[in-house]
N, C-alpha and C. Protein backbone atom coordinates (compact mmCIF):
# COMPACT_ATOMS: atom_id res chain seq x y z
N MET A 1 101.23 90.79 114.98
CA MET A 1 100.79 91.41 116.23
C MET A 1 99.32 91.02 116.46
N THR A 2 99.00 90.46 117.61
CA THR A 2 97.65 89.98 117.88
C THR A 2 96.67 91.11 118.12
N GLY A 3 97.12 92.27 118.53
CA GLY A 3 96.23 93.39 118.79
C GLY A 3 96.16 94.36 117.64
N GLU A 4 96.55 93.93 116.45
CA GLU A 4 96.57 94.82 115.30
C GLU A 4 95.16 95.26 114.91
N TYR A 5 94.96 96.55 114.85
CA TYR A 5 93.67 97.09 114.45
C TYR A 5 93.67 97.34 112.94
N ILE A 6 92.58 96.97 112.31
CA ILE A 6 92.44 97.16 110.87
C ILE A 6 91.14 97.88 110.57
N GLN A 7 91.08 98.51 109.42
CA GLN A 7 89.91 99.28 109.01
C GLN A 7 88.93 98.40 108.24
N PRO A 8 87.69 98.87 108.08
CA PRO A 8 86.69 98.08 107.37
C PRO A 8 87.14 97.65 105.97
N GLU A 9 87.89 98.49 105.27
CA GLU A 9 88.37 98.12 103.94
C GLU A 9 89.26 96.89 104.00
N ASP A 10 90.07 96.80 105.05
CA ASP A 10 90.95 95.64 105.24
C ASP A 10 90.13 94.39 105.57
N VAL A 11 89.09 94.57 106.37
CA VAL A 11 88.21 93.44 106.72
C VAL A 11 87.49 92.95 105.47
N ALA A 12 87.03 93.87 104.65
CA ALA A 12 86.36 93.49 103.41
C ALA A 12 87.29 92.68 102.52
N GLU A 13 88.53 93.11 102.41
CA GLU A 13 89.50 92.38 101.59
C GLU A 13 89.81 91.01 102.20
N LEU A 14 89.95 90.96 103.50
CA LEU A 14 90.27 89.72 104.20
C LEU A 14 89.16 88.69 104.09
N THR A 15 87.91 89.15 104.16
CA THR A 15 86.76 88.24 104.18
C THR A 15 86.09 88.05 102.83
N GLY A 16 86.36 88.96 101.89
CA GLY A 16 85.67 88.90 100.60
C GLY A 16 84.29 89.51 100.65
N MET A 17 83.97 90.18 101.74
CA MET A 17 82.66 90.82 101.90
C MET A 17 82.74 92.27 101.42
N SER A 18 81.60 92.83 101.08
CA SER A 18 81.56 94.24 100.70
C SER A 18 81.49 95.12 101.94
N LEU A 19 81.85 96.38 101.77
CA LEU A 19 81.73 97.33 102.88
C LEU A 19 80.28 97.48 103.31
N LYS A 20 79.39 97.41 102.34
CA LYS A 20 77.95 97.51 102.65
C LYS A 20 77.51 96.33 103.52
N ALA A 21 77.99 95.14 103.20
CA ALA A 21 77.64 93.96 104.00
C ALA A 21 78.19 94.07 105.42
N LEU A 22 79.41 94.57 105.54
CA LEU A 22 79.98 94.77 106.87
C LEU A 22 79.18 95.78 107.67
N GLY A 23 78.74 96.85 107.02
CA GLY A 23 77.90 97.85 107.69
C GLY A 23 76.59 97.25 108.16
N TYR A 24 76.00 96.40 107.33
CA TYR A 24 74.76 95.72 107.70
C TYR A 24 74.98 94.85 108.93
N LEU A 25 76.09 94.10 108.94
CA LEU A 25 76.38 93.25 110.09
C LEU A 25 76.62 94.07 111.35
N ARG A 26 77.30 95.21 111.22
CA ARG A 26 77.49 96.07 112.40
C ARG A 26 76.15 96.54 112.93
N TRP A 27 75.27 96.97 112.04
CA TRP A 27 73.97 97.50 112.43
C TRP A 27 73.12 96.44 113.13
N HIS A 28 73.18 95.21 112.61
CA HIS A 28 72.33 94.14 113.14
C HIS A 28 73.04 93.24 114.15
N GLY A 29 74.31 93.50 114.43
CA GLY A 29 75.03 92.76 115.46
C GLY A 29 75.41 91.35 115.08
N GLY A 30 75.58 91.06 113.79
CA GLY A 30 75.89 89.69 113.39
C GLY A 30 77.31 89.46 112.94
N GLY A 31 78.14 90.46 112.97
CA GLY A 31 79.50 90.32 112.45
C GLY A 31 80.54 90.26 113.53
N PRO A 32 81.78 90.44 113.14
CA PRO A 32 82.86 90.44 114.13
C PRO A 32 82.78 91.68 115.02
N LYS A 33 83.33 91.56 116.21
CA LYS A 33 83.33 92.69 117.15
C LYS A 33 84.09 93.85 116.50
N PHE A 34 83.59 95.06 116.70
CA PHE A 34 84.26 96.23 116.15
C PHE A 34 84.41 97.29 117.24
N TYR A 35 85.26 98.27 116.97
CA TYR A 35 85.57 99.32 117.92
C TYR A 35 85.29 100.66 117.26
N LYS A 36 84.79 101.60 118.04
CA LYS A 36 84.44 102.90 117.51
C LYS A 36 85.01 103.98 118.43
N PRO A 37 86.32 104.27 118.30
CA PRO A 37 86.95 105.24 119.20
C PRO A 37 86.46 106.67 119.00
N THR A 38 85.98 106.99 117.81
CA THR A 38 85.37 108.29 117.54
C THR A 38 84.10 108.04 116.73
N PRO A 39 83.21 109.01 116.63
CA PRO A 39 81.97 108.79 115.89
C PRO A 39 82.16 108.38 114.42
N ARG A 40 83.28 108.72 113.81
CA ARG A 40 83.49 108.41 112.39
C ARG A 40 84.57 107.37 112.15
N THR A 41 85.09 106.76 113.20
CA THR A 41 86.16 105.78 113.05
C THR A 41 85.66 104.40 113.47
N ILE A 42 85.84 103.43 112.59
CA ILE A 42 85.48 102.04 112.89
C ILE A 42 86.74 101.21 112.71
N LEU A 43 87.05 100.42 113.70
CA LEU A 43 88.22 99.55 113.66
C LEU A 43 87.84 98.14 114.08
N TYR A 44 88.60 97.19 113.60
CA TYR A 44 88.45 95.79 113.98
C TYR A 44 89.82 95.29 114.40
N LYS A 45 89.86 94.26 115.25
CA LYS A 45 91.12 93.58 115.54
C LYS A 45 91.22 92.41 114.57
N ARG A 46 92.34 92.34 113.86
CA ARG A 46 92.53 91.28 112.87
C ARG A 46 92.29 89.89 113.47
N ALA A 47 92.82 89.64 114.66
CA ALA A 47 92.67 88.32 115.30
C ALA A 47 91.20 88.00 115.57
N GLU A 48 90.41 89.01 115.95
CA GLU A 48 88.98 88.78 116.22
C GLU A 48 88.21 88.52 114.93
N VAL A 49 88.60 89.17 113.85
CA VAL A 49 87.95 88.92 112.55
C VAL A 49 88.24 87.48 112.12
N LEU A 50 89.50 87.06 112.24
CA LEU A 50 89.87 85.70 111.86
C LEU A 50 89.16 84.67 112.73
N ALA A 51 89.03 84.95 114.02
CA ALA A 51 88.32 84.04 114.93
C ALA A 51 86.85 83.95 114.55
N TRP A 52 86.25 85.08 114.16
CA TRP A 52 84.85 85.10 113.73
C TRP A 52 84.68 84.24 112.49
N LEU A 53 85.61 84.35 111.55
CA LEU A 53 85.55 83.53 110.34
C LEU A 53 85.68 82.05 110.69
N GLU A 54 86.63 81.71 111.54
CA GLU A 54 86.84 80.31 111.94
C GLU A 54 85.60 79.73 112.62
N ALA A 55 84.91 80.55 113.40
CA ALA A 55 83.71 80.08 114.11
C ALA A 55 82.56 79.78 113.17
N SER A 56 82.65 80.26 111.92
CA SER A 56 81.55 80.04 110.97
C SER A 56 81.76 78.81 110.10
N ALA A 57 82.80 78.02 110.37
CA ALA A 57 83.11 76.84 109.57
C ALA A 57 82.00 75.80 109.68
N LEU A 58 81.65 75.22 108.55
CA LEU A 58 80.64 74.17 108.47
C LEU A 58 81.22 72.96 107.74
N THR A 59 80.61 71.81 107.95
CA THR A 59 81.06 70.61 107.25
C THR A 59 80.05 70.16 106.20
N GLN A 60 78.87 70.77 106.19
CA GLN A 60 77.89 70.43 105.15
C GLN A 60 76.93 71.58 104.97
N THR A 61 76.30 71.64 103.81
CA THR A 61 75.30 72.67 103.55
C THR A 61 73.97 72.25 104.13
N GLY A 62 73.07 73.19 104.28
CA GLY A 62 71.74 72.87 104.78
C GLY A 62 71.66 72.82 106.29
N VAL A 63 72.75 73.09 106.96
CA VAL A 63 72.75 73.09 108.43
C VAL A 63 72.85 74.55 108.88
N PRO A 64 71.91 75.01 109.69
CA PRO A 64 71.99 76.41 110.15
C PRO A 64 73.31 76.70 110.83
N ALA A 65 73.88 77.85 110.54
CA ALA A 65 75.17 78.24 111.15
C ALA A 65 75.02 78.64 112.58
């Protein structure tokens, strides 16, 4: 399902990032788009997380992302 919503724990598992790193990215606006339907609920769309990962692909090191 392309509109499947997942929780931060699922994003952490999918990306290999820690929950703390995801929180940092949310705070600084550098991560995948997220949704906050209530003050204590954070959700991501799986397809948007995967698209964010794909957009970060590089072919060599030393080149700014």
